[in-house]
Amino acid sequence: MSKFDEQIIVVPRSVLFNDDKNAFNGFLHKNNIKGKDIFNALSEYEVKRRGDMEEDPTFKQLISYCLLENEKGEILVYERLSGGGEERLHGQSSIGVGGHMNDVVGADSINEVLRVNAQRELEEEVGLASEDSQNMEYIGFINDDTNEVGKVHMGVVFKITVHTSDVEAKETDTLRIKWVEKGSIESYDDFETWSALILQDL
């Protein structure tokens, strides 16, 4: 199946941002009043063909975005290599492991849908088993309507503390990973927009 035929979770922009009253750019903490409203709107998601959504800004594709920190307080940084799916992001570094979300049949809540999808991506991308990510914490949203990729996506951000030994790059043709001290990142120029916005906030 082509990636464009994948059935993914989207929310109409007008619903998600309450006709733009809750629109934002950057990182939005879960306790912010806008953040709470947006979270409540997630349950009104629809399932659509990815190829139809990639250039349709009237919908936001939900993306899981997991920040990994190890026992030394270092964060996981990875570089997207040319074998990866989203050509517009090749060569850029990221602190968010994740991807598009799919419907979860039988899920009891939107929370379960989000976590099942986030966990699947963690396993596929960095080999993190579900028993090693039990402390997954939802922390907020990331959005950037200033560029073409950002206009059609919104990130649901999680933070997880892990053991370095439990993480490895599964798709070595698409990802190269390393652990970095937060304070040692001096420039955000090499980072994709979402990561740069979160790093500035952190």
N, C-alpha and C. Protein backbone atom coordinates (compact mmCIF):
# COMPACT_ATOMS: atom_id res chain seq x y z
N MET A 1 0.85 -1.20 0.00
CA MET A 1 0.00 0.00 0.00
C MET A 1 0.89 1.25 0.00
N SER A 2 0.57 2.21 -0.85
CA SER A 2 1.28 3.48 -0.87
C SER A 2 0.99 4.23 0.42
N LYS A 3 1.96 5.00 0.91
CA LYS A 3 1.73 5.78 2.14
C LYS A 3 0.57 6.76 1.94
N PHE A 4 0.31 7.14 0.68
CA PHE A 4 -0.77 8.10 0.41
C PHE A 4 -2.15 7.47 0.56
N ASP A 5 -2.21 6.12 0.54
CA ASP A 5 -3.49 5.43 0.70
C ASP A 5 -3.79 5.08 2.16
N GLU A 6 -2.83 5.37 3.04
CA GLU A 6 -3.03 5.09 4.47
C GLU A 6 -4.22 5.89 4.98
N GLN A 7 -5.04 5.25 5.82
CA GLN A 7 -6.19 5.91 6.44
C GLN A 7 -5.74 6.51 7.77
N ILE A 8 -5.77 7.82 7.85
CA ILE A 8 -5.21 8.49 9.03
C ILE A 8 -6.26 9.32 9.77
N ILE A 9 -5.92 9.68 11.01
CA ILE A 9 -6.81 10.48 11.85
C ILE A 9 -6.56 11.97 11.58
N VAL A 10 -7.66 12.67 11.33
CA VAL A 10 -7.60 14.12 11.12
C VAL A 10 -8.74 14.78 11.88
N VAL A 11 -8.60 16.06 12.16
CA VAL A 11 -9.68 16.84 12.78
C VAL A 11 -9.88 18.08 11.93
N PRO A 12 -11.13 18.43 11.58
CA PRO A 12 -11.35 19.67 10.84
C PRO A 12 -10.75 20.85 11.62
N ARG A 13 -10.02 21.70 10.93
CA ARG A 13 -9.38 22.84 11.59
C ARG A 13 -10.39 23.70 12.35
N SER A 14 -11.58 23.90 11.75
CA SER A 14 -12.59 24.76 12.37
C SER A 14 -13.05 24.19 13.71
N VAL A 15 -13.10 22.84 13.81
CA VAL A 15 -13.49 22.17 15.06
C VAL A 15 -12.34 22.24 16.07
N LEU A 16 -11.15 21.90 15.58
CA LEU A 16 -9.97 21.81 16.45
C LEU A 16 -9.66 23.14 17.13
N PHE A 17 -9.72 24.22 16.35
CA PHE A 17 -9.34 25.53 16.86
C PHE A 17 -10.55 26.43 17.12
N ASN A 18 -11.76 25.83 17.17
CA ASN A 18 -12.98 26.61 17.46
C ASN A 18 -13.04 27.86 16.59
N ASP A 19 -13.08 27.60 15.26
CA ASP A 19 -13.10 28.70 14.27
C ASP A 19 -11.97 29.71 14.50
N ASP A 20 -10.80 29.16 14.79
CA ASP A 20 -9.55 29.93 14.97
C ASP A 20 -9.47 30.74 16.26
N LYS A 21 -10.49 30.63 17.14
CA LYS A 21 -10.38 31.31 18.44
C LYS A 21 -9.24 30.70 19.27
N ASN A 22 -8.97 29.40 19.06
CA ASN A 22 -7.91 28.73 19.81
C ASN A 22 -6.66 28.46 18.96
N ALA A 23 -6.57 29.13 17.82
CA ALA A 23 -5.39 28.92 16.96
C ALA A 23 -4.13 29.40 17.69
N PHE A 24 -3.02 28.74 17.44
CA PHE A 24 -1.75 29.12 18.07
C PHE A 24 -0.59 28.65 17.19
N ASN A 25 0.56 29.23 17.39
CA ASN A 25 1.80 28.76 16.78
C ASN A 25 2.81 28.54 17.90
N GLY A 26 3.54 27.43 17.81
CA GLY A 26 4.53 27.12 18.83
C GLY A 26 4.07 25.95 19.70
N PHE A 27 4.63 25.88 20.91
CA PHE A 27 4.26 24.82 21.85
C PHE A 27 3.18 25.34 22.79
N LEU A 28 2.14 24.56 22.98
CA LEU A 28 1.02 24.94 23.86
C LEU A 28 0.90 23.90 24.97
N HIS A 29 1.09 24.33 26.22
CA HIS A 29 1.06 23.41 27.35
C HIS A 29 -0.36 22.88 27.58
N LYS A 30 -0.43 21.64 28.05
CA LYS A 30 -1.75 20.99 28.25
C LYS A 30 -2.62 21.74 29.25
N ASN A 31 -2.02 22.47 30.20
CA ASN A 31 -2.82 23.16 31.22
C ASN A 31 -3.32 24.54 30.76
N ASN A 32 -2.84 24.98 29.61
CA ASN A 32 -3.34 26.24 29.05
C ASN A 32 -4.82 26.05 28.70
N ILE A 33 -5.64 27.08 28.89
CA ILE A 33 -7.07 26.95 28.64
C ILE A 33 -7.35 26.56 27.19
N LYS A 34 -6.56 27.13 26.26
CA LYS A 34 -6.69 26.74 24.85
C LYS A 34 -6.34 25.26 24.66
N GLY A 35 -5.29 24.84 25.36
CA GLY A 35 -4.85 23.44 25.27
C GLY A 35 -5.92 22.47 25.71
N LYS A 36 -6.64 22.83 26.77
CA LYS A 36 -7.72 21.96 27.27
C LYS A 36 -8.86 21.88 26.25
N ASP A 37 -9.20 23.04 25.65
CA ASP A 37 -10.27 23.07 24.64
C ASP A 37 -9.89 22.21 23.42
N ILE A 38 -8.64 22.35 22.99
CA ILE A 38 -8.19 21.60 21.81
C ILE A 38 -8.20 20.10 22.11
N PHE A 39 -7.75 19.73 23.31
CA PHE A 39 -7.76 18.29 23.66
C PHE A 39 -9.19 17.75 23.59
N ASN A 40 -10.15 18.51 24.11
CA ASN A 40 -11.55 18.06 24.09
C ASN A 40 -12.08 17.91 22.66
N ALA A 41 -11.54 18.72 21.73
CA ALA A 41 -11.99 18.67 20.34
C ALA A 41 -11.43 17.46 19.59
N LEU A 42 -10.36 16.85 20.12
CA LEU A 42 -9.73 15.72 19.43
C LEU A 42 -10.68 14.54 19.22
N SER A 43 -11.63 14.39 20.15
CA SER A 43 -12.53 13.23 20.05
C SER A 43 -13.47 13.32 18.85
N GLU A 44 -13.48 14.49 18.20
CA GLU A 44 -14.31 14.64 17.00
C GLU A 44 -13.49 14.37 15.73
N TYR A 45 -12.49 13.48 15.86
CA TYR A 45 -11.64 13.16 14.71
C TYR A 45 -12.40 12.39 13.64
N GLU A 46 -11.86 12.48 12.44
CA GLU A 46 -12.38 11.72 11.30
C GLU A 46 -11.23 10.89 10.72
N VAL A 47 -11.56 9.90 9.92
CA VAL A 47 -10.54 9.07 9.29
C VAL A 47 -10.57 9.35 7.78
N LYS A 48 -9.44 9.77 7.24
CA LYS A 48 -9.36 10.15 5.82
C LYS A 48 -8.12 9.56 5.17
N ARG A 49 -8.13 9.55 3.84
CA ARG A 49 -6.97 9.07 3.08
C ARG A 49 -5.86 10.11 3.14
N ARG A 50 -4.66 9.67 3.51
CA ARG A 50 -3.53 10.58 3.73
C ARG A 50 -3.23 11.44 2.49
N GLY A 51 -3.25 10.83 1.32
CA GLY A 51 -2.93 11.58 0.11
C GLY A 51 -3.86 12.76 -0.14
N ASP A 52 -5.11 12.62 0.30
CA ASP A 52 -6.08 13.70 0.12
C ASP A 52 -5.87 14.83 1.13
N MET A 53 -5.18 14.54 2.21
CA MET A 53 -5.03 15.50 3.31
C MET A 53 -3.73 16.30 3.24
N GLU A 54 -2.74 15.81 2.48
CA GLU A 54 -1.40 16.41 2.52
C GLU A 54 -1.37 17.88 2.08
N GLU A 55 -2.35 18.29 1.28
CA GLU A 55 -2.36 19.69 0.85
C GLU A 55 -3.72 20.33 1.08
N ASP A 56 -4.40 19.85 2.14
CA ASP A 56 -5.72 20.39 2.47
C ASP A 56 -5.70 21.00 3.88
N PRO A 57 -5.44 22.32 3.99
CA PRO A 57 -5.29 22.94 5.30
C PRO A 57 -6.61 23.10 6.07
N THR A 58 -7.74 22.64 5.49
CA THR A 58 -8.99 22.69 6.27
C THR A 58 -9.05 21.54 7.28
N PHE A 59 -8.09 20.61 7.18
CA PHE A 59 -7.97 19.53 8.16
C PHE A 59 -6.57 19.54 8.75
N LYS A 60 -6.48 19.12 10.01
CA LYS A 60 -5.18 18.93 10.65
C LYS A 60 -4.96 17.43 10.86
N GLN A 61 -3.84 16.91 10.32
CA GLN A 61 -3.46 15.52 10.57
C GLN A 61 -2.80 15.47 11.96
N LEU A 62 -3.26 14.53 12.79
CA LEU A 62 -2.68 14.41 14.14
C LEU A 62 -1.41 13.56 14.07
N ILE A 63 -0.35 14.08 14.69
CA ILE A 63 0.95 13.41 14.69
C ILE A 63 1.39 13.19 16.13
N SER A 64 1.76 11.95 16.47
CA SER A 64 2.34 11.73 17.81
C SER A 64 3.78 12.25 17.78
N TYR A 65 4.21 12.91 18.86
CA TYR A 65 5.54 13.54 18.92
C TYR A 65 6.10 13.28 20.31
N CYS A 66 6.96 12.26 20.42
CA CYS A 66 7.44 11.81 21.74
C CYS A 66 8.87 12.27 22.00
N LEU A 67 9.05 12.99 23.12
CA LEU A 67 10.38 13.42 23.54
C LEU A 67 10.93 12.38 24.50
N LEU A 68 12.13 11.89 24.22
CA LEU A 68 12.74 10.87 25.07
C LEU A 68 13.91 11.46 25.85
N GLU A 69 13.89 11.20 27.16
CA GLU A 69 14.98 11.66 28.03
C GLU A 69 15.55 10.44 28.73
N ASN A 70 16.88 10.37 28.88
CA ASN A 70 17.47 9.21 29.56
C ASN A 70 17.77 9.51 31.02
N GLU A 71 18.35 8.52 31.71
CA GLU A 71 18.57 8.64 33.15
C GLU A 71 19.56 9.75 33.50
N LYS A 72 20.36 10.22 32.50
CA LYS A 72 21.31 11.31 32.76
C LYS A 72 20.70 12.67 32.45
N GLY A 73 19.44 12.69 32.02
CA GLY A 73 18.80 13.95 31.67
C GLY A 73 19.12 14.42 30.25
N GLU A 74 19.75 13.54 29.45
CA GLU A 74 20.02 13.89 28.05
C GLU A 74 18.77 13.62 27.22
N ILE A 75 18.61 14.35 26.10
CA ILE A 75 17.47 14.10 25.23
C ILE A 75 17.91 13.41 23.94
N LEU A 76 17.01 12.60 23.41
CA LEU A 76 17.29 11.88 22.17
C LEU A 76 17.11 12.83 20.99
N VAL A 77 18.16 12.92 20.17
CA VAL A 77 18.08 13.72 18.94
C VAL A 77 18.31 12.77 17.77
N TYR A 78 17.50 12.90 16.74
CA TYR A 78 17.78 12.07 15.57
C TYR A 78 17.76 12.91 14.31
N GLU A 79 18.54 12.44 13.34
CA GLU A 79 18.59 13.11 12.04
C GLU A 79 17.80 12.29 11.04
N ARG A 80 16.97 12.97 10.27
CA ARG A 80 16.19 12.29 9.23
C ARG A 80 17.07 12.14 7.98
N LEU A 81 17.35 10.89 7.60
CA LEU A 81 18.19 10.64 6.43
C LEU A 81 17.32 10.57 5.17
N SER A 82 17.96 10.48 4.02
CA SER A 82 17.23 10.59 2.75
C SER A 82 16.29 9.40 2.48
N GLY A 83 16.42 8.31 3.27
CA GLY A 83 15.52 7.17 3.07
C GLY A 83 14.15 7.36 3.68
N GLY A 84 13.96 8.45 4.45
CA GLY A 84 12.70 8.67 5.17
C GLY A 84 11.56 9.09 4.26
N GLY A 85 10.35 9.02 4.80
CA GLY A 85 9.14 9.24 4.02
C GLY A 85 8.86 10.68 3.63
N GLU A 86 9.05 11.62 4.55
CA GLU A 86 8.67 13.01 4.28
C GLU A 86 9.86 13.77 3.71
N GLU A 87 9.91 13.87 2.37
CA GLU A 87 11.06 14.48 1.70
C GLU A 87 11.32 15.91 2.18
N ARG A 88 10.24 16.61 2.58
CA ARG A 88 10.39 18.01 2.98
C ARG A 88 11.19 18.15 4.28
N LEU A 89 11.44 17.03 4.98
CA LEU A 89 12.16 17.11 6.27
C LEU A 89 13.54 16.46 6.24
N HIS A 90 13.96 15.96 5.06
CA HIS A 90 15.26 15.27 4.98
C HIS A 90 16.41 16.19 5.39
N GLY A 91 17.38 15.60 6.12
CA GLY A 91 18.56 16.35 6.53
C GLY A 91 18.37 17.15 7.79
N GLN A 92 17.14 17.20 8.31
CA GLN A 92 16.89 17.99 9.52
C GLN A 92 16.92 17.09 10.75
N SER A 93 17.32 17.69 11.88
CA SER A 93 17.34 16.96 13.14
C SER A 93 16.02 17.17 13.88
N SER A 94 15.68 16.22 14.75
CA SER A 94 14.42 16.27 15.47
C SER A 94 14.58 15.71 16.87
N ILE A 95 13.72 16.17 17.79
CA ILE A 95 13.70 15.57 19.13
C ILE A 95 12.38 14.81 19.34
N GLY A 96 11.56 14.73 18.29
CA GLY A 96 10.25 14.09 18.42
C GLY A 96 10.15 12.80 17.64
N VAL A 97 9.95 11.68 18.33
CA VAL A 97 9.74 10.39 17.66
C VAL A 97 8.23 10.21 17.49
N GLY A 98 7.79 9.91 16.29
CA GLY A 98 6.35 9.73 16.11
C GLY A 98 5.95 9.65 14.67
N GLY A 99 4.67 9.89 14.43
CA GLY A 99 4.18 9.81 13.07
C GLY A 99 2.67 9.95 13.02
N HIS A 100 2.13 9.71 11.84
CA HIS A 100 0.68 9.80 11.64
C HIS A 100 -0.05 8.79 12.53
N MET A 101 -1.29 9.10 12.84
CA MET A 101 -2.11 8.24 13.69
C MET A 101 -3.19 7.54 12.88
N ASN A 102 -3.52 6.34 13.31
CA ASN A 102 -4.60 5.57 12.68
C ASN A 102 -5.70 5.32 13.71
N ASP A 103 -6.88 5.01 13.23
CA ASP A 103 -7.99 4.73 14.14
C ASP A 103 -7.68 3.47 14.96
N VAL A 104 -8.13 3.43 16.18
CA VAL A 104 -7.93 2.26 17.04
C VAL A 104 -9.31 1.67 17.33
N VAL A 105 -9.62 0.57 16.67
CA VAL A 105 -10.94 -0.05 16.82
C VAL A 105 -11.14 -0.52 18.26
N GLY A 106 -12.27 -0.15 18.86
CA GLY A 106 -12.58 -0.60 20.22
C GLY A 106 -11.98 0.25 21.32
N ALA A 107 -11.28 1.33 20.96
CA ALA A 107 -10.68 2.20 21.98
C ALA A 107 -11.78 2.87 22.81
N ASP A 108 -11.55 2.99 24.13
CA ASP A 108 -12.55 3.56 25.04
C ASP A 108 -12.53 5.08 25.07
N SER A 109 -11.41 5.68 24.65
CA SER A 109 -11.28 7.14 24.78
C SER A 109 -10.27 7.66 23.77
N ILE A 110 -10.28 8.96 23.54
CA ILE A 110 -9.29 9.58 22.66
C ILE A 110 -7.90 9.43 23.27
N ASN A 111 -7.82 9.41 24.59
CA ASN A 111 -6.54 9.22 25.27
C ASN A 111 -5.91 7.88 24.86
N GLU A 112 -6.74 6.83 24.81
CA GLU A 112 -6.24 5.50 24.42
C GLU A 112 -5.78 5.51 22.96
N VAL A 113 -6.55 6.17 22.10
CA VAL A 113 -6.18 6.26 20.67
C VAL A 113 -4.80 6.92 20.53
N LEU A 114 -4.60 8.03 21.23
CA LEU A 114 -3.33 8.76 21.16
C LEU A 114 -2.17 7.90 21.65
N ARG A 115 -2.36 7.23 22.78
CA ARG A 115 -1.27 6.46 23.38
C ARG A 115 -0.92 5.21 22.57
N VAL A 116 -1.93 4.54 22.03
CA VAL A 116 -1.67 3.35 21.22
C VAL A 116 -0.84 3.73 19.99
N ASN A 117 -1.20 4.84 19.37
CA ASN A 117 -0.46 5.30 18.19
C ASN A 117 0.96 5.73 18.54
N ALA A 118 1.10 6.48 19.64
CA ALA A 118 2.43 6.92 20.07
C ALA A 118 3.33 5.73 20.36
N GLN A 119 2.78 4.73 21.05
CA GLN A 119 3.56 3.54 21.40
C GLN A 119 3.99 2.77 20.16
N ARG A 120 3.09 2.66 19.19
CA ARG A 120 3.43 1.92 17.96
C ARG A 120 4.63 2.58 17.26
N GLU A 121 4.63 3.91 17.19
CA GLU A 121 5.72 4.62 16.53
C GLU A 121 7.03 4.45 17.31
N LEU A 122 6.95 4.48 18.64
CA LEU A 122 8.16 4.31 19.46
C LEU A 122 8.79 2.94 19.21
N GLU A 123 7.93 1.93 19.06
CA GLU A 123 8.43 0.58 18.82
C GLU A 123 9.05 0.48 17.42
N GLU A 124 8.34 1.06 16.42
CA GLU A 124 8.81 0.96 15.04
C GLU A 124 10.10 1.75 14.81
N GLU A 125 10.19 2.94 15.40
CA GLU A 125 11.31 3.83 15.07
C GLU A 125 12.54 3.61 15.94
N VAL A 126 12.33 3.41 17.26
CA VAL A 126 13.49 3.29 18.15
C VAL A 126 13.44 2.04 19.04
N GLY A 127 12.57 1.09 18.69
CA GLY A 127 12.57 -0.20 19.37
C GLY A 127 12.17 -0.17 20.83
N LEU A 128 11.41 0.86 21.25
CA LEU A 128 11.04 0.97 22.66
C LEU A 128 9.77 0.17 22.93
N ALA A 129 9.91 -0.90 23.72
CA ALA A 129 8.77 -1.77 24.02
C ALA A 129 7.78 -1.06 24.94
N SER A 130 6.52 -1.49 24.89
CA SER A 130 5.47 -0.81 25.66
C SER A 130 5.75 -0.85 27.15
N GLU A 131 6.35 -1.94 27.64
CA GLU A 131 6.63 -2.02 29.09
C GLU A 131 7.73 -1.03 29.51
N ASP A 132 8.49 -0.52 28.53
CA ASP A 132 9.55 0.45 28.85
C ASP A 132 9.09 1.90 28.68
N SER A 133 7.81 2.09 28.35
CA SER A 133 7.32 3.47 28.16
C SER A 133 6.05 3.71 28.97
N GLN A 134 5.94 3.03 30.10
CA GLN A 134 4.74 3.17 30.93
C GLN A 134 4.61 4.57 31.52
N ASN A 135 5.72 5.30 31.59
CA ASN A 135 5.66 6.64 32.19
C ASN A 135 5.43 7.73 31.14
N MET A 136 4.88 7.33 30.00
CA MET A 136 4.57 8.30 28.93
C MET A 136 3.62 9.37 29.46
N GLU A 137 4.06 10.63 29.36
CA GLU A 137 3.27 11.73 29.91
C GLU A 137 2.88 12.70 28.79
N TYR A 138 1.57 12.94 28.65
CA TYR A 138 1.09 13.91 27.67
C TYR A 138 1.40 15.31 28.20
N ILE A 139 2.09 16.16 27.38
CA ILE A 139 2.46 17.48 27.89
C ILE A 139 1.88 18.66 27.09
N GLY A 140 1.35 18.41 25.89
CA GLY A 140 0.76 19.53 25.16
C GLY A 140 0.74 19.32 23.66
N PHE A 141 0.67 20.43 22.92
CA PHE A 141 0.56 20.40 21.47
C PHE A 141 1.64 21.25 20.84
N ILE A 142 1.98 20.93 19.58
CA ILE A 142 2.89 21.76 18.81
C ILE A 142 2.23 22.05 17.45
N ASN A 143 2.28 23.31 17.06
CA ASN A 143 1.65 23.71 15.80
C ASN A 143 2.46 24.83 15.17
N ASP A 144 2.53 24.81 13.83
CA ASP A 144 3.23 25.88 13.12
C ASP A 144 2.59 26.06 11.75
N ASP A 145 1.77 27.08 11.64
CA ASP A 145 1.05 27.33 10.38
C ASP A 145 1.85 28.20 9.41
N THR A 146 3.14 28.41 9.69
CA THR A 146 3.93 29.31 8.85
C THR A 146 4.59 28.60 7.67
N ASN A 147 4.48 27.26 7.60
CA ASN A 147 5.08 26.56 6.46
C ASN A 147 4.14 25.48 5.94
N GLU A 148 4.43 24.96 4.76
CA GLU A 148 3.51 24.05 4.06
C GLU A 148 3.27 22.75 4.83
N VAL A 149 4.33 22.18 5.43
CA VAL A 149 4.15 20.94 6.21
C VAL A 149 3.32 21.23 7.46
N GLY A 150 3.65 22.33 8.14
CA GLY A 150 2.98 22.67 9.39
C GLY A 150 1.51 22.97 9.23
N LYS A 151 1.12 23.54 8.10
CA LYS A 151 -0.28 23.94 7.89
C LYS A 151 -1.24 22.77 7.95
N VAL A 152 -0.76 21.57 7.62
CA VAL A 152 -1.67 20.41 7.55
C VAL A 152 -1.44 19.39 8.66
N HIS A 153 -0.56 19.71 9.62
CA HIS A 153 -0.27 18.78 10.72
C HIS A 153 -0.35 19.50 12.07
N MET A 154 -0.66 18.73 13.13
CA MET A 154 -0.50 19.23 14.50
C MET A 154 0.04 18.09 15.36
N GLY A 155 1.04 18.41 16.18
CA GLY A 155 1.66 17.38 17.01
C GLY A 155 1.04 17.29 18.39
N VAL A 156 0.82 16.04 18.83
CA VAL A 156 0.41 15.76 20.21
C VAL A 156 1.69 15.31 20.93
N VAL A 157 2.15 16.12 21.89
CA VAL A 157 3.49 15.93 22.45
C VAL A 157 3.45 15.13 23.76
N PHE A 158 4.31 14.10 23.81
CA PHE A 158 4.48 13.28 25.01
C PHE A 158 5.94 13.32 25.44
N LYS A 159 6.15 13.07 26.73
CA LYS A 159 7.53 12.98 27.25
C LYS A 159 7.68 11.64 27.97
N ILE A 160 8.81 10.98 27.75
CA ILE A 160 9.04 9.66 28.33
C ILE A 160 10.47 9.59 28.84
N THR A 161 10.65 9.10 30.07
CA THR A 161 11.99 8.85 30.59
C THR A 161 12.34 7.39 30.36
N VAL A 162 13.49 7.14 29.73
CA VAL A 162 13.85 5.78 29.33
C VAL A 162 15.29 5.46 29.73
N HIS A 163 15.63 4.17 29.65
CA HIS A 163 17.03 3.76 29.79
C HIS A 163 17.66 3.80 28.41
N THR A 164 18.84 4.38 28.32
CA THR A 164 19.52 4.51 27.03
C THR A 164 19.57 3.17 26.30
N SER A 165 19.80 2.10 27.06
CA SER A 165 19.98 0.77 26.46
C SER A 165 18.70 0.22 25.82
N ASP A 166 17.56 0.82 26.15
CA ASP A 166 16.29 0.33 25.60
C ASP A 166 15.95 0.96 24.24
N VAL A 167 16.82 1.85 23.78
CA VAL A 167 16.52 2.61 22.55
C VAL A 167 17.58 2.35 21.49
N GLU A 168 17.14 2.09 20.26
CA GLU A 168 18.06 1.95 19.13
C GLU A 168 17.33 2.37 17.85
N ALA A 169 18.08 2.87 16.87
CA ALA A 169 17.45 3.25 15.60
C ALA A 169 17.09 1.99 14.84
N LYS A 170 15.80 1.76 14.63
CA LYS A 170 15.34 0.56 13.93
C LYS A 170 15.49 0.71 12.42
N GLU A 171 15.24 1.92 11.94
CA GLU A 171 15.29 2.14 10.49
C GLU A 171 16.56 2.95 10.18
N THR A 172 17.69 2.24 10.11
CA THR A 172 18.98 2.94 10.00
C THR A 172 19.14 3.67 8.67
N ASP A 173 18.29 3.33 7.68
CA ASP A 173 18.36 4.07 6.41
C ASP A 173 17.61 5.40 6.51
N THR A 174 16.77 5.55 7.54
CA THR A 174 15.98 6.79 7.65
C THR A 174 16.35 7.62 8.87
N LEU A 175 16.94 7.00 9.91
CA LEU A 175 17.22 7.73 11.15
C LEU A 175 18.63 7.47 11.65
N ARG A 176 19.26 8.51 12.20
CA ARG A 176 20.51 8.35 12.94
C ARG A 176 20.29 9.01 14.29
N ILE A 177 20.50 8.28 15.39
CA ILE A 177 20.16 8.83 16.71
C ILE A 177 21.40 9.08 17.59
N LYS A 178 21.26 10.04 18.51
CA LYS A 178 22.32 10.31 19.50
C LYS A 178 21.66 10.95 20.72
N TRP A 179 22.36 10.86 21.87
CA TRP A 179 21.87 11.49 23.10
C TRP A 179 22.64 12.79 23.32
N VAL A 180 21.93 13.86 23.64
CA VAL A 180 22.53 15.19 23.72
C VAL A 180 22.09 15.88 25.01
N GLU A 181 23.03 16.59 25.67
CA GLU A 181 22.65 17.40 26.84
C GLU A 181 21.82 18.59 26.37
N LYS A 182 20.71 18.83 27.06
CA LYS A 182 19.81 19.92 26.63
C LYS A 182 20.56 21.26 26.50
N GLY A 183 21.39 21.55 27.50
CA GLY A 183 22.08 22.84 27.51
C GLY A 183 23.16 22.98 26.46
N SER A 184 23.53 21.87 25.82
CA SER A 184 24.65 21.93 24.86
C SER A 184 24.19 22.28 23.44
N ILE A 185 22.87 22.37 23.23
CA ILE A 185 22.38 22.72 21.89
C ILE A 185 22.40 24.24 21.76
N GLU A 186 23.32 24.74 20.95
CA GLU A 186 23.50 26.20 20.85
C GLU A 186 22.71 26.81 19.70
N SER A 187 22.48 26.01 18.66
CA SER A 187 21.77 26.54 17.49
C SER A 187 20.62 25.61 17.11
N TYR A 188 19.50 26.21 16.75
CA TYR A 188 18.34 25.42 16.33
C TYR A 188 18.22 25.33 14.81
N ASP A 189 19.25 25.85 14.10
CA ASP A 189 19.17 25.95 12.64
C ASP A 189 19.01 24.59 11.95
N ASP A 190 19.61 23.56 12.54
CA ASP A 190 19.56 22.23 11.91
C ASP A 190 18.29 21.46 12.27
N PHE A 191 17.48 22.02 13.17
CA PHE A 191 16.31 21.29 13.65
C PHE A 191 15.06 21.62 12.84
N GLU A 192 14.19 20.62 12.67
CA GLU A 192 12.90 20.91 12.03
C GLU A 192 12.15 21.91 12.93
N THR A 193 11.21 22.62 12.34
CA THR A 193 10.54 23.73 13.04
C THR A 193 9.95 23.30 14.37
N TRP A 194 9.22 22.19 14.40
CA TRP A 194 8.57 21.76 15.65
C TRP A 194 9.57 21.58 16.76
N SER A 195 10.68 20.91 16.45
CA SER A 195 11.70 20.65 17.48
C SER A 195 12.31 21.96 17.98
N ALA A 196 12.59 22.86 17.04
CA ALA A 196 13.18 24.15 17.43
C ALA A 196 12.23 24.92 18.36
N LEU A 197 10.94 24.89 18.05
CA LEU A 197 9.95 25.59 18.89
C LEU A 197 9.87 24.99 20.29
N ILE A 198 9.92 23.66 20.38
CA ILE A 198 9.85 23.00 21.70
C ILE A 198 11.13 23.25 22.49
N LEU A 199 12.30 23.16 21.81
CA LEU A 199 13.57 23.40 22.50
C LEU A 199 13.62 24.81 23.07
N GLN A 200 13.12 25.78 22.32
CA GLN A 200 13.11 27.17 22.82
C GLN A 200 12.21 27.26 24.07
N ASP A 201 11.12 26.51 24.06
CA ASP A 201 10.19 26.54 25.21
C ASP A 201 10.78 25.84 26.42
N LEU A 202 11.46 24.72 26.17
CA LEU A 202 12.05 23.96 27.28
C LEU A 202 13.19 24.71 27.94
